[in-house]
């Protein structure tokens, strides 16, 4: 993939440029009580020095609210789906499995190329007393909450898409998986896929975004409000995937917080 001009995705939270792939760390401050929020938009795959920068920012916070990204999350979702004896009876189930397989395989391929996984880099920090699970997804070691299953949510959303869009999705993910299997998938291929997934409304906002985002963001800020009320920390960190940031920033602003600064950080250099 050749990038001649920087591409802005996810309402500006994800940048693809000639030099690499970027996310942001935003600092917000409350207008009256001056409480600060460090909002970190995460890539789940990246360079170790990227994760070190995020850790350094969050370790300065009194409390941290986090999205539970673990190394085997996608693998668990695939196994859960395959345990259903009717998992491959039609296009919908096969597409869910293919999407899950794509993310699992891309993690493995990019790890072999020297990149790190967020799940491994932050696993020890999840056990700290001031790091608080703030998501609808289960904690490490807990079974998936029956009221919120990623596989079920994804399946329901897929059923609303046209057959044409579902077929395009299947072709897109399968072609990349085949490239991974042949050993020809690299960092620039990953970047190309991100642009395609994040840039197409039917691929991301209709499928992934609507499935995974707003309910989880609202849950995060329910816990945020509780933490503020009960503990009154001077600085709160929030660590969630970059796609969550546009709505989370809106939720912060509704609570009287205003942007102080934004720092762009590279998670994969070209």
Protein backbone atom coordinates (compact mmCIF):
# COMPACT_ATOMS: atom_id res chain seq x y z
CA UNK A 1 0.00 0.00 0.00
CA UNK A 2 1.35 3.41 -1.04
CA UNK A 3 -0.04 6.43 0.83
CA UNK A 4 0.48 9.66 -1.11
CA UNK A 5 -1.64 11.75 1.24
CA UNK A 6 -2.57 11.15 4.88
CA UNK A 7 -5.93 9.42 5.30
CA UNK A 8 -8.12 10.32 8.28
CA UNK A 9 -10.49 7.61 9.55
CA UNK A 10 -12.92 7.17 12.46
CA UNK A 11 -13.77 10.87 12.64
CA UNK A 12 -10.09 11.74 12.79
CA UNK A 13 -9.07 9.26 15.51
CA UNK A 14 -7.06 7.04 13.15
CA UNK A 15 -4.45 8.41 10.74
CA UNK A 16 -2.78 6.46 7.92
CA UNK A 17 0.18 8.36 6.46
CA UNK A 18 3.39 7.79 4.53
CA UNK A 19 5.30 7.35 7.80
CA UNK A 20 2.92 4.93 9.51
CA UNK A 21 -0.33 4.38 11.41
CA UNK A 22 -1.36 6.72 14.24
CA UNK A 23 -3.84 6.98 17.10
CA UNK A 24 -4.29 9.75 19.69
CA UNK A 25 -4.05 10.43 23.40
CA UNK A 26 -6.43 13.25 24.31
CA UNK A 27 -6.31 15.22 27.56
CA UNK A 28 -9.57 16.69 28.84
CA UNK A 29 -10.21 18.93 31.84
CA UNK A 30 -13.46 19.64 33.66
CA UNK A 31 -14.51 23.27 33.50
CA UNK A 32 -15.30 23.61 37.22
CA UNK A 33 -13.45 21.01 39.32
CA UNK A 34 -10.39 20.80 36.98
CA UNK A 35 -10.39 16.99 37.04
CA UNK A 36 -8.38 15.65 34.10
CA UNK A 37 -9.17 12.71 31.84
CA UNK A 38 -6.49 11.01 29.73
CA UNK A 39 -8.35 9.35 26.85
CA UNK A 40 -6.23 6.78 24.98
CA UNK A 41 -7.42 5.47 21.63
CA UNK A 42 -5.88 2.04 21.22
CA UNK A 43 -4.74 -0.18 18.41
CA UNK A 44 -4.88 -3.80 19.52
CA UNK A 45 -1.76 -4.56 17.46
CA UNK A 46 1.30 -2.30 17.48
CA UNK A 47 4.95 -1.75 18.29
CA UNK A 48 6.18 -2.24 21.85
CA UNK A 49 7.32 1.37 22.12
CA UNK A 50 3.78 2.48 21.24
CA UNK A 51 2.37 0.52 24.18
CA UNK A 52 5.12 1.86 26.43
CA UNK A 53 4.02 5.44 25.65
CA UNK A 54 0.40 4.60 26.46
CA UNK A 55 1.39 2.83 29.69
CA UNK A 56 3.46 5.82 30.79
CA UNK A 57 0.51 8.14 30.24
CA UNK A 58 -1.92 5.90 32.12
CA UNK A 59 0.36 5.08 35.05
CA UNK A 60 0.28 8.77 36.00
CA UNK A 61 -3.49 8.56 36.50
CA UNK A 62 -5.17 7.99 39.87
CA UNK A 63 -7.57 5.51 38.32
CA UNK A 64 -7.86 3.85 34.90
CA UNK A 65 -10.99 2.52 33.18
CA UNK A 66 -10.17 -0.11 30.59
CA UNK A 67 -11.56 -2.25 27.81
CA UNK A 68 -10.57 -5.89 28.51
CA UNK A 69 -8.47 -6.84 25.50
CA UNK A 70 -6.84 -10.22 26.04
CA UNK A 71 -4.58 -12.23 23.80
CA UNK A 72 -7.04 -15.11 23.34
CA UNK A 73 -10.32 -13.15 23.07
CA UNK A 74 -10.85 -13.77 19.35
CA UNK A 75 -9.86 -17.42 19.66
CA UNK A 76 -12.45 -17.83 22.41
CA UNK A 77 -15.15 -16.27 20.21
CA UNK A 78 -14.32 -18.65 17.34
CA UNK A 79 -14.46 -21.70 19.61
CA UNK A 80 -17.78 -20.52 21.07
CA UNK A 81 -19.23 -20.19 17.60
CA UNK A 82 -17.90 -23.55 16.39
CA UNK A 83 -19.33 -25.30 19.46
CA UNK A 84 -22.77 -24.70 17.96
CA UNK A 85 -23.54 -27.71 15.76
CA UNK A 86 -25.34 -25.46 13.25
CA UNK A 87 -22.55 -22.85 13.03
CA UNK A 88 -21.89 -23.27 9.27
CA UNK A 89 -25.41 -23.77 7.98
CA UNK A 90 -25.54 -20.52 6.02
CA UNK A 91 -23.67 -17.42 4.89
CA UNK A 92 -24.30 -15.49 8.10
CA UNK A 93 -22.59 -17.96 10.41
CA UNK A 94 -19.75 -18.51 7.99
CA UNK A 95 -19.19 -14.76 7.71
CA UNK A 96 -19.03 -14.36 11.51
CA UNK A 97 -16.44 -17.14 11.67
CA UNK A 98 -14.44 -15.62 8.80
CA UNK A 99 -14.34 -12.17 10.42
CA UNK A 100 -13.19 -13.69 13.71
CA UNK A 101 -10.59 -15.83 11.93
CA UNK A 102 -9.26 -12.76 10.10
CA UNK A 103 -8.49 -10.91 13.34
CA UNK A 104 -6.97 -13.99 14.97
CA UNK A 105 -4.73 -14.75 11.99
CA UNK A 106 -3.68 -11.12 11.47
CA UNK A 107 -2.59 -10.93 15.11
CA UNK A 108 -0.47 -14.06 14.69
CA UNK A 109 1.06 -12.93 11.40
CA UNK A 110 1.94 -9.44 12.64
CA UNK A 111 3.30 -10.80 15.91
CA UNK A 112 5.71 -12.95 13.89
CA UNK A 113 6.81 -9.78 12.13
CA UNK A 114 7.87 -8.26 15.45
CA UNK A 115 4.73 -6.41 16.51
CA UNK A 116 3.19 -6.65 19.98
CA UNK A 117 -0.36 -7.39 21.09
CA UNK A 118 -2.23 -5.10 23.46
CA UNK A 119 -3.57 -8.08 25.37
CA UNK A 120 -0.08 -9.24 26.33
CA UNK A 121 1.31 -5.77 26.97
CA UNK A 122 -1.38 -4.74 29.46
CA UNK A 123 -2.38 -8.05 31.06
CA UNK A 124 -0.45 -7.42 34.30
CA UNK A 125 -1.88 -3.91 34.69
CA UNK A 126 -5.45 -5.23 34.62
CA UNK A 127 -4.83 -6.68 38.07
CA UNK A 128 -3.91 -3.35 39.69
CA UNK A 129 -6.36 -2.07 42.29
CA UNK A 130 -6.82 1.27 40.57
CA UNK A 131 -7.42 -0.28 37.13
CA UNK A 132 -11.17 -0.81 36.75
CA UNK A 133 -12.94 -3.03 34.24
CA UNK A 134 -15.38 -0.68 32.49
CA UNK A 135 -16.95 -2.66 29.68
CA UNK A 136 -19.79 -5.04 28.83
CA UNK A 137 -17.18 -7.60 27.79
CA UNK A 138 -16.20 -10.08 30.52
CA UNK A 139 -13.12 -9.78 32.70
CA UNK A 140 -10.18 -12.13 32.28
CA UNK A 141 -11.12 -15.58 33.54
CA UNK A 142 -14.87 -14.91 33.52
CA UNK A 143 -17.31 -16.52 31.12
CA UNK A 144 -19.01 -14.28 28.59
CA UNK A 145 -22.08 -12.55 29.99
CA UNK A 146 -25.14 -14.12 28.38
CA UNK A 147 -26.74 -10.67 28.14
CA UNK A 148 -23.95 -9.45 25.86
CA UNK A 149 -22.34 -11.84 23.41
CA UNK A 150 -20.09 -10.42 20.69
CA UNK A 151 -20.89 -13.35 18.41
CA UNK A 152 -24.65 -12.96 18.85
CA UNK A 153 -24.49 -9.19 18.37
CA UNK A 154 -22.39 -9.56 15.23
CA UNK A 155 -24.69 -12.24 13.86
CA UNK A 156 -27.80 -10.11 14.40
CA UNK A 157 -26.18 -7.16 12.65
CA UNK A 158 -25.04 -9.25 9.69
CA UNK A 159 -28.59 -10.45 9.09
CA UNK A 160 -29.62 -6.84 8.40
CA UNK A 161 -27.09 -6.40 5.60
CA UNK A 162 -27.94 -7.02 1.96
CA UNK A 163 -26.76 -10.28 0.37
CA UNK A 164 -24.50 -8.18 -1.87
CA UNK A 165 -22.79 -6.51 1.10
CA UNK A 166 -22.43 -9.81 2.94
CA UNK A 167 -20.85 -11.36 -0.15
CA UNK A 168 -18.44 -8.42 -0.47
CA UNK A 169 -17.48 -8.74 3.20
CA UNK A 170 -16.86 -12.45 2.81
CA UNK A 171 -14.71 -11.94 -0.28
CA UNK A 172 -12.73 -9.17 1.41
CA UNK A 173 -11.88 -11.11 4.57
CA UNK A 174 -11.29 -14.41 2.76
CA UNK A 175 -8.85 -12.83 0.29
CA UNK A 176 -6.77 -11.42 3.14
CA UNK A 177 -6.84 -14.73 5.02
CA UNK A 178 -5.58 -16.52 1.91
CA UNK A 179 -2.80 -13.97 1.60
CA UNK A 180 -1.84 -14.63 5.22
CA UNK A 181 -1.81 -18.37 4.58
CA UNK A 182 0.52 -17.87 1.60
CA UNK A 183 2.96 -15.82 3.70
CA UNK A 184 2.48 -12.69 1.59
CA UNK A 185 0.58 -10.58 4.15
CA UNK A 186 2.58 -7.74 5.69
CA UNK A 187 2.20 -4.52 7.64
CA UNK A 188 1.19 -2.50 4.59
CA UNK A 189 -1.49 -5.07 3.75
CA UNK A 190 -2.80 -4.65 7.28
CA UNK A 191 -2.88 -0.87 6.78
CA UNK A 192 -4.74 -1.31 3.49
CA UNK A 193 -7.33 -3.49 5.21
CA UNK A 194 -7.79 -0.93 8.00
CA UNK A 195 -8.48 1.80 5.46
CA UNK A 196 -11.03 -0.43 3.75
CA UNK A 197 -12.73 -1.56 6.97
CA UNK A 198 -12.76 1.83 8.71
CA UNK A 199 -13.50 3.80 5.55
CA UNK A 200 -16.58 1.96 4.27
CA UNK A 201 -19.74 2.77 6.15
CA UNK A 202 -21.32 -0.61 5.41
CA UNK A 203 -18.16 -2.41 6.53
CA UNK A 204 -17.53 -0.54 9.75
CA UNK A 205 -20.28 1.78 10.97
CA UNK A 206 -23.08 -0.55 9.97
CA UNK A 207 -21.38 -3.82 10.90
CA UNK A 208 -18.59 -3.45 13.47
CA UNK A 209 -19.35 0.00 14.88
CA UNK A 210 -23.00 -0.52 15.64
CA UNK A 211 -22.31 -3.98 17.05
CA UNK A 212 -19.52 -3.17 19.45
CA UNK A 213 -19.54 0.49 20.36
CA UNK A 214 -22.19 2.69 21.88
CA UNK A 215 -23.66 0.31 24.46
CA UNK A 216 -20.16 -0.43 25.71
CA UNK A 217 -19.25 3.28 25.77
CA UNK A 218 -22.34 4.07 27.83
CA UNK A 219 -21.40 1.30 30.25
CA UNK A 220 -17.91 2.77 30.54
CA UNK A 221 -19.31 6.16 31.47
CA UNK A 222 -21.75 4.71 33.98
CA UNK A 223 -18.66 3.41 35.76
CA UNK A 224 -16.88 6.71 35.14
CA UNK A 225 -19.67 8.58 36.94
CA UNK A 226 -19.55 6.11 39.83
CA UNK A 227 -15.76 6.46 40.16
CA UNK A 228 -15.98 10.26 40.16
CA UNK A 229 -18.71 10.22 42.81
CA UNK A 230 -17.15 7.61 45.10
CA UNK A 231 -13.43 8.29 44.73
CA UNK A 232 -13.10 11.82 43.32
CA UNK A 233 -9.78 11.16 41.53
CA UNK A 234 -7.90 14.15 40.18
CA UNK A 235 -6.92 12.26 37.00
CA UNK A 236 -8.77 9.40 35.28
CA UNK A 237 -7.37 7.37 32.41
CA UNK A 238 -9.57 5.64 29.85
CA UNK A 239 -8.10 2.94 27.60
CA UNK A 240 -10.40 1.79 24.81
CA UNK A 241 -10.04 0.93 21.13
CA UNK A 242 -9.67 3.95 18.87
CA UNK A 243 -13.09 3.40 17.29
CA UNK A 244 -14.72 4.17 20.64
CA UNK A 245 -13.20 7.63 20.94
CA UNK A 246 -15.61 9.76 18.87
CA UNK A 247 -18.59 8.82 21.05
CA UNK A 248 -16.60 8.75 24.27
CA UNK A 249 -15.41 12.28 23.57
CA UNK A 250 -19.02 13.32 23.13
CA UNK A 251 -19.92 11.70 26.47
CA UNK A 252 -17.06 13.55 28.16
CA UNK A 253 -18.10 16.90 26.69
CA UNK A 254 -21.69 16.34 27.86
CA UNK A 255 -20.27 16.05 31.37
CA UNK A 256 -18.55 19.43 31.22
CA UNK A 257 -15.08 18.38 30.06
CA UNK A 258 -13.17 20.33 27.42
CA UNK A 259 -10.20 19.32 25.30
CA UNK A 260 -6.82 20.57 26.56
CA UNK A 261 -4.45 18.78 24.18
CA UNK A 262 -4.17 15.92 21.69
CA UNK A 263 -1.01 13.92 21.09
CA UNK A 264 -0.65 11.79 17.95
CA UNK A 265 1.33 8.60 18.52
CA UNK A 266 2.52 6.08 15.94
CA UNK A 267 1.61 2.46 16.58
CA UNK A 268 3.19 1.04 13.42
CA UNK A 269 6.00 2.74 11.49
CA UNK A 270 6.44 2.11 7.77
